[in-house]
Amino acid sequence: MHKMCAEMEVIMGKEKSIGKREFYEIKFLKRLMMFGVVAAAAVTIFMQTDNASAAKKKTKQTQEYVSMSYKKGVLTIKGKGEMGDPIKTTVYENKNIKRVVIKKGVTAIADFAFKGCKSLVNVTAKGVTDIGDLAFSECSSLESITINKQVSYIGNSAFDECTDLTEIITSDVQIGIKTSNNVVGIGDNAFKNSGLEEISIPGSCKSIGDYAFANGSTLKNVVLKEGIESLGSNTFENCVELGSIQIPGTAKSMQKALLKGCINLQEVIIPASISYIADDVFADCDMEKLVIISEVGSNAEEYAKEQGIKFGNINTTISLNQDSATLDLALGETLILTAIVENADASKVQWTSSKETVAIVDNGKVIPKGVGEAVISASINGKIATCLVKVENNAKPTATPTATPTVIPTATPTVPPTATPTATPTVVPTVTPTVAPTATSTVTPTATPTATPTVTPTVTPTITPTETPALIPEKTPAPQNNSTIKQIALGKVKILKAKSKKKRVTLTWKKINKAIYYRVEYALDKKMKKSKKVVRVFKTKYTTKKLKKNKKYYFRIRAYRIDSNGVSMGKWSKVKCVKAK
């Protein structure tokens, strides 16, 4: 009875039970009649067709039911009570459903309900309080779900492999997931391999299961509110974009591999109430970047010492000697910022600039690079102080550049070209010239020097001319904003791989020696003008987001380095064309 059938009618006798998924994928079942023990239930099931589907569920106690209807890719579910087994037989692995609307009155989504519905994009379920195990597992196209503020449970693997899922919306609409104020728990693997970027879990959620958010490659921000008591093993494993996290004070332990493989993790705030931290909590993390922040004398401090992880006092404070400044690029003005730190070593303050094309910072010294605004940040132990720096260029260029010669050389050179010239040349040259004439003497000196020296100095003046002075400079020299940008030392980027999957393109390229970061540009045309996007990447791998399906995209990459000498950049890679799938 598991096989696809044409039109058929089933009449059953005294069977006492029907196995799970007995009528799975039977598209044109016209009538099901049962007699005997279950006859009193008077069950009628309408299986899904291309035009419409409906299902009813009745319970012996409440006589509540759930019905379904399908039209043009939209499945509407209404009624009262929980979704039961019938939804498995009609919706499971359906490839046509694009949207699901669950009306108020329906209180729970059954286990496996929409598993494998790979075309499903959006779900609205405002009345649901429970989401069953694997309810939306493998719905790879699911982008958002709107749920009731009163959701109390999200089952095991409920959204596992929902790689495009970026939004879970409650009445407090927000990117990411903000579970309800009454949520009791999040099951194992609930959001494993999802596309969530932010999560905010309320304190009413008492437990978060094993691997709940594991392999969340896009997850950047995590907020765990006070009230959460249990964090499972491997909960945030391989969340490679996660930079910081604060463990709530109501939690008592940090189980094994909790943050394993979070390679960009830099800061973890651990309350003094944490009594147990597993040895491998930070396995495969970058220990050079990582700082554990807690109270002095806490278990977290002892753990940091044992594991060789940097420790910071949670009571640290930091401020700067000024919070804003204006610098003139033309005058070469710089700024010295001083960090005022309490309960920490001031020498360990980390300095960053929000826009290094405008200004860079080196241990508190701010050096302008271009016109604009940049926020200079000083951070230590999770505390940050900032200064807004505005860079202006007030230069008023003239027709004559100041650094090189005037438009018309002076009649009398200000510095004689000979190495040690006499005040007045001799009237009669010496009878026998020296074996090695002076560097700049003329070939045949005249008996009487000319009253007015020639306009053009001698062939090889030794002291003042620049390397290649132009006698006639440009009429209006351009401001030297980009004089520090040099294409030196950094090689040309070579793109190694470009893979397209699920409206995303993943690029990998060969590392350039001495490069600090890479600029990735992509657009819908080869000239990089149509719908152009620009990102800065500090690794040799980048994945785009939400590309247009079946559109061709053009990519190019260039390496950059910033140091005390300014900005250096390599050559652009060859443009790579990739069709988004």
Protein backbone atom coordinates (compact mmCIF):
# COMPACT_ATOMS: atom_id res chain seq x y z
CA MET A 1 0.00 0.00 0.00
CA HIS A 2 3.03 2.28 -0.02
CA LYS A 3 3.16 2.47 -3.83
CA MET A 4 1.82 5.04 -6.25
CA CYS A 5 -1.60 3.99 -7.53
CA ALA A 6 -4.11 5.10 -10.10
CA GLU A 7 -7.72 5.67 -9.15
CA MET A 8 -8.70 3.11 -6.57
CA GLU A 9 -11.20 2.33 -3.86
CA VAL A 10 -10.31 0.52 -0.64
CA ILE A 11 -12.82 -1.35 1.48
CA MET A 12 -11.51 -2.78 4.71
CA GLY A 13 -13.03 -5.31 7.04
CA LYS A 14 -12.18 -5.88 10.68
CA GLU A 15 -8.64 -4.57 10.64
CA LYS A 16 -7.80 -3.15 14.07
CA SER A 17 -5.00 -0.86 13.04
CA ILE A 18 -3.38 0.82 10.04
CA GLY A 19 0.37 1.30 9.97
CA LYS A 20 2.12 4.63 9.61
CA ARG A 21 2.32 6.02 6.05
CA GLU A 22 0.23 3.11 4.72
CA PHE A 23 -1.28 5.33 2.09
CA TYR A 24 1.83 7.40 1.41
CA GLU A 25 1.97 8.83 -2.15
CA ILE A 26 -1.41 7.41 -3.19
CA LYS A 27 -2.59 10.36 -5.25
CA PHE A 28 -6.00 9.33 -6.48
CA LEU A 29 -7.60 7.32 -3.70
CA LYS A 30 -11.30 7.92 -4.26
CA ARG A 31 -12.87 6.30 -1.22
CA LEU A 32 -11.80 4.52 1.94
CA MET A 33 -14.39 2.51 3.83
CA MET A 34 -13.75 0.70 7.10
CA PHE A 35 -16.10 -1.52 9.04
CA GLY A 36 -16.00 -3.37 12.27
CA VAL A 37 -14.07 -2.17 15.29
CA VAL A 38 -13.32 1.28 13.93
CA ALA A 39 -16.57 1.78 12.04
CA ALA A 40 -17.98 4.10 14.67
CA ALA A 41 -15.29 6.67 13.92
CA ALA A 42 -16.79 7.22 10.46
CA VAL A 43 -13.40 8.30 9.12
CA THR A 44 -13.16 9.99 5.72
CA ILE A 45 -9.81 10.98 4.28
CA PHE A 46 -9.43 13.16 1.19
CA MET A 47 -5.97 12.73 -0.21
CA GLN A 48 -4.05 15.49 -2.04
CA THR A 49 -4.59 16.10 -5.75
CA ASP A 50 -3.18 18.81 -8.02
CA ASN A 51 -6.14 21.10 -7.31
CA ALA A 52 -7.07 20.60 -3.70
CA SER A 53 -6.54 18.50 -0.63
CA ALA A 54 -8.21 18.16 2.72
CA ALA A 55 -7.79 16.10 5.80
CA LYS A 56 -9.73 15.83 8.96
CA LYS A 57 -8.71 14.49 12.29
CA LYS A 58 -11.17 13.66 15.04
CA THR A 59 -10.31 12.58 18.54
CA LYS A 60 -12.56 10.49 20.72
CA GLN A 61 -12.28 12.90 23.63
CA THR A 62 -12.66 16.37 22.09
CA GLN A 63 -13.92 15.76 18.56
CA GLU A 64 -11.51 18.42 17.41
CA TYR A 65 -10.32 18.31 13.79
CA VAL A 66 -7.82 19.80 11.38
CA SER A 67 -8.54 20.30 7.69
CA MET A 68 -6.34 21.28 4.77
CA SER A 69 -6.84 22.84 1.36
CA TYR A 70 -4.34 23.38 -1.44
CA LYS A 71 -4.42 25.94 -4.27
CA LYS A 72 -1.68 27.29 -6.55
CA GLY A 73 1.22 26.34 -4.32
CA VAL A 74 -0.42 27.51 -1.06
CA LEU A 75 -1.45 24.98 1.59
CA THR A 76 -3.98 26.35 4.10
CA ILE A 77 -4.55 24.46 7.35
CA LYS A 78 -7.36 25.30 9.76
CA GLY A 79 -9.45 23.82 12.53
CA LYS A 80 -8.87 23.15 16.21
CA GLY A 81 -6.33 21.08 18.06
CA GLU A 82 -3.14 19.38 16.96
CA MET A 83 -2.07 18.18 13.58
CA GLY A 84 -1.93 14.43 13.71
CA ASP A 85 -0.79 11.62 11.46
CA PRO A 86 -2.93 12.59 8.44
CA ILE A 87 -0.63 15.48 7.64
CA LYS A 88 2.23 12.97 7.21
CA THR A 89 0.43 11.16 4.48
CA THR A 90 -0.56 14.25 2.52
CA VAL A 91 2.31 16.75 2.89
CA TYR A 92 5.47 14.81 3.70
CA GLU A 93 8.12 15.42 0.98
CA ASN A 94 5.67 17.33 -1.20
CA LYS A 95 7.58 19.20 -3.93
CA ASN A 96 4.75 21.56 -4.99
CA ILE A 97 3.98 23.44 -1.80
CA LYS A 98 5.58 26.90 -1.73
CA ARG A 99 3.72 28.48 1.14
CA VAL A 100 1.91 27.19 4.24
CA VAL A 101 -0.69 29.17 6.17
CA ILE A 102 -1.76 27.65 9.50
CA LYS A 103 -4.81 29.39 10.96
CA LYS A 104 -5.37 30.16 14.64
CA GLY A 105 -6.92 27.25 16.47
CA VAL A 106 -4.33 24.77 15.24
CA THR A 107 -2.07 24.31 18.24
CA ALA A 108 0.73 21.98 17.17
CA ILE A 109 2.66 20.93 14.09
CA ALA A 110 3.17 17.19 13.94
CA ASP A 111 6.47 15.34 13.79
CA PHE A 112 7.78 15.10 10.19
CA ALA A 113 4.88 17.31 9.03
CA PHE A 114 6.69 19.20 6.26
CA LYS A 115 9.94 17.26 6.15
CA GLY A 116 11.55 17.38 2.74
CA CYS A 117 9.20 19.98 1.23
CA LYS A 118 12.06 21.44 -0.75
CA SER A 119 9.99 24.11 -2.55
CA LEU A 120 8.52 25.53 0.66
CA VAL A 121 9.61 29.17 1.09
CA ASN A 122 7.36 30.73 3.72
CA VAL A 123 5.27 29.54 6.69
CA THR A 124 2.76 31.47 8.80
CA ALA A 125 1.70 29.66 11.98
CA LYS A 126 0.46 32.28 14.44
CA GLY A 127 -1.60 29.94 16.61
CA VAL A 128 0.89 27.11 17.02
CA THR A 129 2.47 26.48 20.43
CA ASP A 130 4.46 23.32 19.65
CA ILE A 131 6.62 22.43 16.64
CA GLY A 132 7.26 18.71 16.37
CA ASP A 133 10.44 16.75 15.72
CA LEU A 134 11.78 17.14 12.14
CA ALA A 135 8.70 19.23 11.30
CA PHE A 136 10.56 21.30 8.69
CA SER A 137 13.71 19.23 8.34
CA GLU A 138 15.34 19.40 4.89
CA CYS A 139 13.13 22.27 3.72
CA SER A 140 16.15 23.72 1.97
CA SER A 141 14.26 26.64 0.36
CA LEU A 142 12.51 27.78 3.55
CA GLU A 143 13.42 31.43 4.15
CA SER A 144 11.12 32.57 6.95
CA ILE A 145 8.49 31.38 9.41
CA THR A 146 6.08 33.45 11.48
CA ILE A 147 5.11 31.78 14.73
CA ASN A 148 3.03 32.44 17.81
CA LYS A 149 4.57 34.42 20.62
CA GLN A 150 3.49 31.60 22.91
CA VAL A 151 5.49 28.77 21.30
CA SER A 152 6.60 26.49 24.12
CA TYR A 153 8.65 23.84 22.37
CA ILE A 154 10.72 23.49 19.20
CA GLY A 155 11.37 19.80 18.55
CA ASN A 156 14.48 17.83 17.73
CA SER A 157 15.82 18.63 14.25
CA ALA A 158 12.75 20.79 13.63
CA PHE A 159 14.66 23.04 11.19
CA ASP A 160 17.64 20.85 10.47
CA GLU A 161 19.11 21.46 6.97
CA CYS A 162 17.02 24.59 6.43
CA THR A 163 20.01 26.26 4.82
CA ASP A 164 18.10 29.29 3.50
CA LEU A 165 16.30 30.03 6.77
CA THR A 166 17.19 33.57 7.86
CA GLU A 167 14.08 34.70 9.74
CA ILE A 168 11.90 33.36 12.51
CA ILE A 169 9.38 36.06 13.25
CA THR A 170 7.22 36.61 16.33
CA SER A 171 5.19 39.67 17.21
CA ASP A 172 8.55 41.35 17.88
CA VAL A 173 9.73 41.18 14.28
CA GLN A 174 13.48 40.77 13.98
CA ILE A 175 16.09 39.20 11.78
CA GLY A 176 17.06 35.84 13.12
CA ILE A 177 15.13 34.01 15.79
CA LYS A 178 13.52 35.52 18.83
CA THR A 179 11.69 32.67 20.45
CA SER A 180 8.60 33.28 22.53
CA ASN A 181 8.60 34.38 26.13
CA ASN A 182 7.09 31.06 27.09
CA VAL A 183 9.37 28.70 25.25
CA VAL A 184 10.33 25.78 27.45
CA GLY A 185 13.05 24.26 25.35
CA ILE A 186 14.77 23.91 22.00
CA GLY A 187 15.45 20.31 20.97
CA ASP A 188 18.58 18.59 19.74
CA ASN A 189 19.67 19.61 16.21
CA ALA A 190 16.70 22.03 16.07
CA PHE A 191 18.46 24.61 13.86
CA LYS A 192 21.46 22.60 12.76
CA ASN A 193 22.77 23.67 9.33
CA SER A 194 20.36 26.63 9.17
CA GLY A 195 21.05 30.00 7.56
CA LEU A 196 20.25 32.11 10.65
CA GLU A 197 22.39 35.21 11.21
CA GLU A 198 21.13 36.27 14.65
CA ILE A 199 19.44 34.54 17.55
CA SER A 200 17.99 35.93 20.75
CA ILE A 201 16.76 33.30 23.21
CA PRO A 202 14.57 34.50 26.11
CA GLY A 203 15.11 33.42 29.71
CA SER A 204 11.86 31.45 29.64
CA CYS A 205 13.66 28.90 27.46
CA LYS A 206 15.09 26.60 30.10
CA SER A 207 17.11 24.26 27.91
CA ILE A 208 18.87 24.25 24.54
CA GLY A 209 19.63 20.82 23.11
CA ASP A 210 22.74 19.20 21.69
CA TYR A 211 23.86 20.56 18.29
CA ALA A 212 20.87 22.97 18.37
CA PHE A 213 22.64 25.62 16.24
CA ALA A 214 25.61 23.59 15.03
CA ASN A 215 27.10 24.26 11.59
CA GLY A 216 25.42 27.66 11.45
CA SER A 217 27.92 29.07 8.98
CA THR A 218 26.15 32.47 8.83
CA LEU A 219 25.40 32.88 12.56
CA LYS A 220 27.12 36.06 13.80
CA ASN A 221 25.21 37.29 16.86
CA VAL A 222 23.92 35.22 19.77
CA VAL A 223 22.01 36.59 22.77
CA LEU A 224 21.27 34.19 25.62
CA LYS A 225 19.03 35.82 28.23
CA GLU A 226 19.18 35.22 31.97
CA GLY A 227 16.93 32.29 32.88
CA ILE A 228 18.42 29.71 30.52
CA GLU A 229 19.60 26.82 32.71
CA SER A 230 20.98 24.18 30.36
CA LEU A 231 23.21 24.39 27.28
CA GLY A 232 23.74 21.11 25.45
CA SER A 233 26.88 19.58 24.00
CA ASN A 234 28.14 20.94 20.66
CA THR A 235 25.34 23.54 20.69
CA PHE A 236 27.27 26.10 18.61
CA GLU A 237 29.81 23.80 16.98
CA ASN A 238 31.32 25.15 13.74
CA CYS A 239 29.54 28.52 13.88
CA VAL A 240 32.52 29.98 12.06
CA GLU A 241 31.27 33.59 11.91
CA LEU A 242 30.50 33.86 15.63
CA GLY A 243 32.77 36.48 17.21
CA SER A 244 31.52 36.72 20.79
CA ILE A 245 29.02 35.19 23.19
CA GLN A 246 27.90 35.76 26.77
CA ILE A 247 26.87 32.78 28.87
CA PRO A 248 23.87 33.58 31.12
CA GLY A 249 24.42 33.56 34.89
CA THR A 250 21.55 31.10 35.38
CA ALA A 251 23.45 28.37 33.53
CA LYS A 252 25.54 26.09 35.73
CA SER A 253 27.84 24.40 33.23
CA MET A 254 29.39 24.52 29.76
CA GLN A 255 29.21 21.02 28.26
CA LYS A 256 31.61 19.34 25.87
CA ALA A 257 32.44 20.95 22.53
CA LEU A 258 29.92 23.73 23.20
CA LEU A 259 31.84 26.16 20.96
CA LYS A 260 34.03 23.73 19.07
CA GLY A 261 35.29 24.95 15.70
CA CYS A 262 34.20 28.57 16.18
CA ILE A 263 37.39 29.74 14.51
CA ASN A 264 36.61 33.47 14.68
CA LEU A 265 35.55 33.46 18.31
CA GLN A 266 37.36 36.27 20.11
CA GLU A 267 35.48 36.87 23.33
CA VAL A 268 33.48 34.69 25.72
CA ILE A 269 31.96 36.21 28.85
CA ILE A 270 31.53 33.55 31.51
CA PRO A 271 29.76 34.36 34.81
CA ALA A 272 31.27 33.32 38.13
CA SER A 273 28.25 31.05 38.68
CA ILE A 274 29.53 28.53 36.10
CA SER A 275 30.83 25.60 38.14
CA TYR A 276 31.90 23.26 35.32
CA ILE A 277 33.61 23.88 31.97
CA ALA A 278 34.45 20.87 29.81
CA ASP A 279 38.06 20.58 28.63
CA ASP A 280 37.08 20.64 24.94
CA VAL A 281 34.57 23.52 25.04
CA PHE A 282 36.87 25.56 22.74
CA ALA A 283 38.34 22.72 20.70
CA ASP A 284 39.60 23.83 17.27
CA CYS A 285 39.15 27.52 18.14
CA ASP A 286 41.91 30.07 17.49
CA MET A 287 43.48 30.40 20.93
CA GLU A 288 45.55 33.39 19.82
CA LYS A 289 42.36 35.39 19.30
CA LEU A 290 40.30 34.05 22.19
CA VAL A 291 39.82 35.90 25.50
CA ILE A 292 37.80 34.56 28.43
CA ILE A 293 36.22 37.35 30.46
CA SER A 294 35.04 36.72 34.00
CA GLU A 295 35.57 37.74 37.60
CA VAL A 296 38.97 37.44 39.23
CA GLY A 297 39.09 34.25 41.32
CA SER A 298 36.31 32.50 39.34
CA ASN A 299 36.38 28.99 37.88
CA ALA A 300 36.58 30.64 34.47
CA GLU A 301 39.86 32.36 35.40
CA GLU A 302 41.31 29.07 36.64
CA TYR A 303 40.14 27.34 33.45
CA ALA A 304 41.77 30.02 31.29
CA LYS A 305 45.10 29.51 33.07
CA GLU A 306 44.93 25.71 32.69
CA GLN A 307 44.07 25.90 28.97
CA GLY A 308 46.52 28.68 28.14
CA ILE A 309 43.74 31.10 27.12
CA LYS A 310 44.00 34.85 27.70
CA PHE A 311 41.90 36.13 30.61
CA GLY A 312 40.23 39.49 31.14
CA ASN A 313 38.65 41.04 34.24
CA ILE A 314 34.93 41.59 33.67
CA ASN A 315 35.12 44.72 35.84
CA THR A 316 37.47 46.42 33.38
CA THR A 317 36.62 49.96 32.23
CA ILE A 318 38.11 51.91 29.32
CA SER A 319 37.80 55.47 27.98
CA LEU A 320 39.72 57.72 25.58
CA ASN A 321 41.22 61.16 26.14
CA GLN A 322 38.85 62.54 23.47
CA ASP A 323 35.77 61.32 21.67
CA SER A 324 36.05 63.30 18.40
CA ALA A 325 38.68 65.06 16.29
CA THR A 326 39.20 66.70 12.87
CA LEU A 327 42.43 66.22 10.92
CA ASP A 328 43.73 68.06 7.84
CA LEU A 329 45.15 65.62 5.31
CA ALA A 330 46.97 68.42 3.43
CA LEU A 331 48.93 69.39 6.52
CA GLY A 332 49.72 65.81 7.43
CA GLU A 333 48.08 66.15 10.83
CA THR A 334 48.01 63.11 13.11
CA LEU A 335 46.24 62.36 16.38
CA ILE A 336 47.49 60.67 19.53
CA LEU A 337 44.74 58.87 21.44
CA THR A 338 45.32 57.67 24.98
CA ALA A 339 43.31 54.83 26.50
CA ILE A 340 42.45 55.20 30.19
CA VAL A 341 42.02 51.66 31.57
CA GLU A 342 41.00 50.28 34.97
CA ASN A 343 41.31 46.65 36.13
CA ALA A 344 43.31 45.60 33.08
CA ASP A 345 46.72 45.96 31.44
CA ALA A 346 46.56 49.08 29.25
CA SER A 347 49.34 47.73 27.00
CA LYS A 348 46.94 45.03 25.78
CA VAL A 349 44.39 47.47 24.36
CA GLN A 350 43.46 46.60 20.77
CA TRP A 351 43.03 49.45 18.30
CA THR A 352 40.93 49.33 15.15
CA SER A 353 39.59 51.70 12.51
CA SER A 354 36.15 51.33 10.96
CA LYS A 355 37.40 52.69 7.61
CA GLU A 356 41.08 52.32 6.92
CA THR A 357 40.87 54.22 3.63
CA VAL A 358 40.11 57.28 5.76
CA ALA A 359 42.39 56.70 8.76
CA ILE A 360 44.52 53.95 10.26
CA VAL A 361 45.57 53.59 13.88
CA ASP A 362 48.80 52.22 15.30
CA ASN A 363 48.86 51.86 19.08
CA GLY A 364 46.79 55.01 19.54
CA LYS A 365 48.42 57.08 16.78
CA VAL A 366 45.83 57.99 14.14
CA ILE A 367 47.17 58.64 10.63
CA PRO A 368 44.81 60.12 8.00
CA LYS A 369 44.68 58.42 4.59
CA GLY A 370 41.74 60.01 2.78
CA VAL A 371 38.82 62.39 3.13
CA GLY A 372 35.86 61.10 5.16
CA GLU A 373 34.96 59.82 8.62
CA ALA A 374 36.22 56.82 10.56
CA VAL A 375 35.50 55.49 14.05
CA ILE A 376 38.64 54.61 15.98
CA SER A 377 37.98 51.94 18.61
CA ALA A 378 40.00 50.84 21.62
CA SER A 379 38.90 47.57 23.23
CA ILE A 380 39.96 45.35 26.10
CA ASN A 381 38.15 42.61 27.98
CA GLY A 382 34.98 43.15 26.01
CA LYS A 383 34.82 46.87 26.78
CA ILE A 384 35.08 49.44 23.98
CA ALA A 385 35.77 53.17 23.77
CA THR A 386 35.50 55.12 20.51
CA CYS A 387 36.58 58.37 18.89
CA LEU A 388 35.02 59.81 15.73
CA VAL A 389 37.73 61.12 13.40
CA LYS A 390 36.86 63.41 10.50
CA VAL A 391 39.53 63.87 7.82
CA GLU A 392 39.48 66.96 5.58
CA ASN A 393 41.73 68.16 2.78
CA ASN A 394 42.05 71.94 2.88
CA ALA A 395 44.88 72.21 0.33
CA LYS A 396 44.52 74.96 -2.30
CA PRO A 397 46.81 73.88 -5.13
CA THR A 398 48.50 76.57 -7.18
CA ALA A 399 49.88 76.43 -10.70
CA THR A 400 53.34 75.97 -9.26
CA PRO A 401 53.94 72.86 -7.16
CA THR A 402 55.82 73.57 -3.98
CA ALA A 403 57.98 70.46 -3.92
CA THR A 404 59.61 70.84 -7.34
CA PRO A 405 61.05 73.68 -9.45
CA THR A 406 59.23 76.86 -10.44
CA VAL A 407 57.68 77.18 -13.90
CA ILE A 408 60.62 79.24 -15.17
CA PRO A 409 64.00 78.57 -13.58
CA THR A 410 65.67 81.59 -12.02
CA ALA A 411 68.36 83.33 -14.06
CA THR A 412 70.90 82.76 -11.36
CA PRO A 413 70.93 79.34 -9.77
CA THR A 414 70.63 79.69 -5.99
CA VAL A 415 73.11 76.92 -5.37
CA PRO A 416 76.20 76.67 -7.61
CA PRO A 417 76.40 73.31 -9.36
CA THR A 418 80.12 72.75 -8.63
CA ALA A 419 81.00 70.81 -5.56
CA THR A 420 83.01 73.73 -4.04
CA PRO A 421 82.58 76.78 -6.24
CA THR A 422 84.61 79.94 -5.80
CA ALA A 423 82.78 83.17 -5.22
CA THR A 424 84.07 84.59 -8.50
CA PRO A 425 85.30 82.42 -11.37
CA THR A 426 88.92 83.05 -12.42
CA VAL A 427 89.43 85.18 -15.52
CA VAL A 428 92.07 82.89 -17.00
CA PRO A 429 91.74 79.15 -16.58
CA THR A 430 94.76 77.16 -15.47
CA VAL A 431 97.17 76.17 -18.22
CA THR A 432 97.03 72.48 -17.46
CA PRO A 433 93.66 71.09 -16.51
CA THR A 434 93.45 68.57 -13.72
CA VAL A 435 93.35 64.93 -14.59
CA ALA A 436 89.86 64.62 -13.15
CA PRO A 437 87.87 67.72 -13.92
CA THR A 438 85.23 68.85 -11.46
CA ALA A 439 81.87 67.23 -11.85
CA THR A 440 80.20 70.15 -13.46
CA SER A 441 82.85 72.24 -15.27
CA THR A 442 82.12 73.15 -18.87
CA VAL A 443 84.06 71.40 -21.67
CA THR A 444 85.76 74.58 -22.83
CA PRO A 445 85.67 77.31 -20.19
CA THR A 446 85.59 80.81 -21.58
CA ALA A 447 88.17 83.33 -20.57
CA THR A 448 85.48 85.59 -19.33
CA PRO A 449 82.40 84.11 -17.74
CA THR A 450 79.08 85.16 -19.16
CA ALA A 451 77.29 87.81 -17.26
CA THR A 452 74.12 85.82 -17.14
CA PRO A 453 74.22 82.06 -16.60
CA THR A 454 72.30 79.92 -19.06
CA VAL A 455 68.66 79.14 -18.30
CA THR A 456 69.36 75.45 -18.18
CA PRO A 457 71.77 74.36 -15.42
CA THR A 458 74.79 72.18 -16.19
CA VAL A 459 74.24 68.62 -17.34
CA THR A 460 74.66 66.99 -13.96
CA PRO A 461 73.94 69.32 -11.04
CA THR A 462 74.95 67.60 -7.82
CA ILE A 463 72.91 69.15 -5.05
CA THR A 464 69.38 70.33 -5.49
CA PRO A 465 67.47 69.00 -8.51
CA THR A 466 64.91 66.22 -7.91
CA GLU A 467 65.28 62.90 -9.68
CA THR A 468 63.37 64.00 -12.78
CA PRO A 469 62.09 67.57 -12.45
CA ALA A 470 59.72 68.67 -15.17
CA LEU A 471 60.42 72.14 -16.45
CA ILE A 472 56.74 72.75 -17.06
CA PRO A 473 54.48 71.09 -14.47
CA GLU A 474 50.78 70.41 -14.88
CA LYS A 475 48.69 73.55 -14.61
CA THR A 476 46.58 72.20 -11.77
CA PRO A 477 48.23 69.43 -9.78
CA ALA A 478 45.68 67.05 -8.26
CA PRO A 479 45.51 66.71 -4.47
CA GLN A 480 47.66 63.87 -3.25
CA ASN A 481 44.93 61.91 -1.39
CA ASN A 482 46.01 58.60 -2.88
CA SER A 483 49.72 59.17 -2.89
CA THR A 484 50.14 56.34 -0.34
CA ILE A 485 48.49 53.70 -2.51
CA LYS A 486 51.16 51.61 -4.17
CA GLN A 487 50.93 48.40 -6.11
CA ILE A 488 53.93 46.79 -4.51
CA ALA A 489 54.85 43.44 -3.06
CA LEU A 490 51.33 41.97 -3.33
CA GLY A 491 50.70 39.54 -6.13
CA LYS A 492 47.71 38.94 -8.35
CA VAL A 493 44.92 36.90 -6.78
CA LYS A 494 44.15 33.55 -8.39
CA ILE A 495 40.60 32.24 -7.93
CA LEU A 496 40.81 28.50 -7.29
CA LYS A 497 37.14 27.48 -7.07
CA ALA A 498 33.74 29.04 -7.65
CA LYS A 499 30.76 26.84 -6.71
CA SER A 500 27.10 27.78 -7.01
CA LYS A 501 24.39 26.26 -4.81
CA LYS A 502 21.01 27.46 -3.54
CA LYS A 503 21.30 31.04 -4.82
CA ARG A 504 24.78 31.36 -3.33
CA VAL A 505 28.27 31.32 -4.78
CA THR A 506 31.27 30.20 -2.74
CA LEU A 507 34.68 31.49 -3.86
CA THR A 508 38.07 30.24 -2.73
CA TRP A 509 41.39 31.69 -3.79
CA LYS A 510 45.11 31.36 -3.27
CA LYS A 511 46.56 33.23 -0.31
CA ILE A 512 48.70 36.25 -1.15
CA ASN A 513 51.83 36.66 0.95
CA LYS A 514 51.74 39.72 3.28
CA ALA A 515 48.09 40.50 2.42
CA ILE A 516 45.93 41.62 5.35
CA TYR A 517 42.56 41.48 3.65
CA TYR A 518 40.92 41.01 0.26
CA ARG A 519 38.39 43.10 -1.63
CA VAL A 520 35.73 41.03 -3.37
CA GLU A 521 33.59 42.71 -6.02
CA TYR A 522 30.75 41.14 -7.96
CA ALA A 523 28.08 42.40 -10.33
CA LEU A 524 25.73 41.36 -13.13
CA ASP A 525 28.09 42.65 -15.82
CA LYS A 526 31.76 42.21 -16.59
CA LYS A 527 32.47 45.93 -16.17
CA MET A 528 31.36 45.71 -12.52
CA LYS A 529 28.68 48.38 -12.72
CA LYS A 530 25.28 46.66 -12.70
CA SER A 531 24.08 45.79 -9.16
CA LYS A 532 27.66 45.92 -7.91
CA LYS A 533 28.48 44.59 -4.44
CA VAL A 534 31.74 45.10 -2.54
CA VAL A 535 32.87 43.20 0.55
CA ARG A 536 36.06 43.06 2.61
CA VAL A 537 37.21 39.55 3.52
CA PHE A 538 40.00 38.55 5.89
CA LYS A 539 40.09 34.89 4.79
CA THR A 540 40.60 33.19 1.44
CA LYS A 541 36.99 32.07 1.17
CA TYR A 542 33.75 33.97 0.72
CA THR A 543 30.11 32.97 0.21
CA THR A 544 27.55 35.35 -1.26
CA LYS A 545 23.96 35.62 -0.08
CA LYS A 546 20.58 35.66 -1.83
CA LEU A 547 21.65 35.89 -5.44
CA LYS A 548 19.10 35.86 -8.24
CA LYS A 549 18.53 32.35 -9.50
CA ASN A 550 19.76 31.55 -13.02
CA LYS A 551 21.56 34.91 -13.28
CA LYS A 552 25.20 35.21 -14.34
CA TYR A 553 27.47 36.99 -11.84
CA TYR A 554 30.97 38.31 -12.42
CA PHE A 555 33.57 38.20 -9.63
CA ARG A 556 37.02 39.71 -9.10
CA ILE A 557 39.33 39.83 -6.08
CA ARG A 558 42.28 41.99 -5.05
CA ALA A 559 44.67 41.78 -2.09
CA TYR A 560 45.39 44.72 0.25
CA ARG A 561 47.90 45.54 2.95
CA ILE A 562 47.96 48.49 5.34
CA ASP A 563 51.05 49.44 7.34
CA SER A 564 52.97 52.52 8.43
CA ASN A 565 53.90 53.21 4.82
CA GLY A 566 50.28 53.42 3.75
CA VAL A 567 48.01 51.24 1.65
CA SER A 568 49.42 48.69 -0.78
CA MET A 569 47.32 46.68 -3.17
CA GLY A 570 47.89 43.93 -5.69
CA LYS A 571 46.37 43.45 -9.10
CA TRP A 572 42.82 42.33 -9.69
CA SER A 573 42.24 38.67 -10.35
CA LYS A 574 40.81 37.55 -13.65
CA VAL A 575 37.06 38.11 -13.75
CA LYS A 576 35.20 34.89 -12.96
CA CYS A 577 31.70 34.32 -14.37
CA VAL A 578 29.38 32.05 -12.36
CA LYS A 579 25.70 31.26 -12.92
CA ALA A 580 23.69 31.25 -9.67
CA LYS A 581 21.72 28.05 -9.21
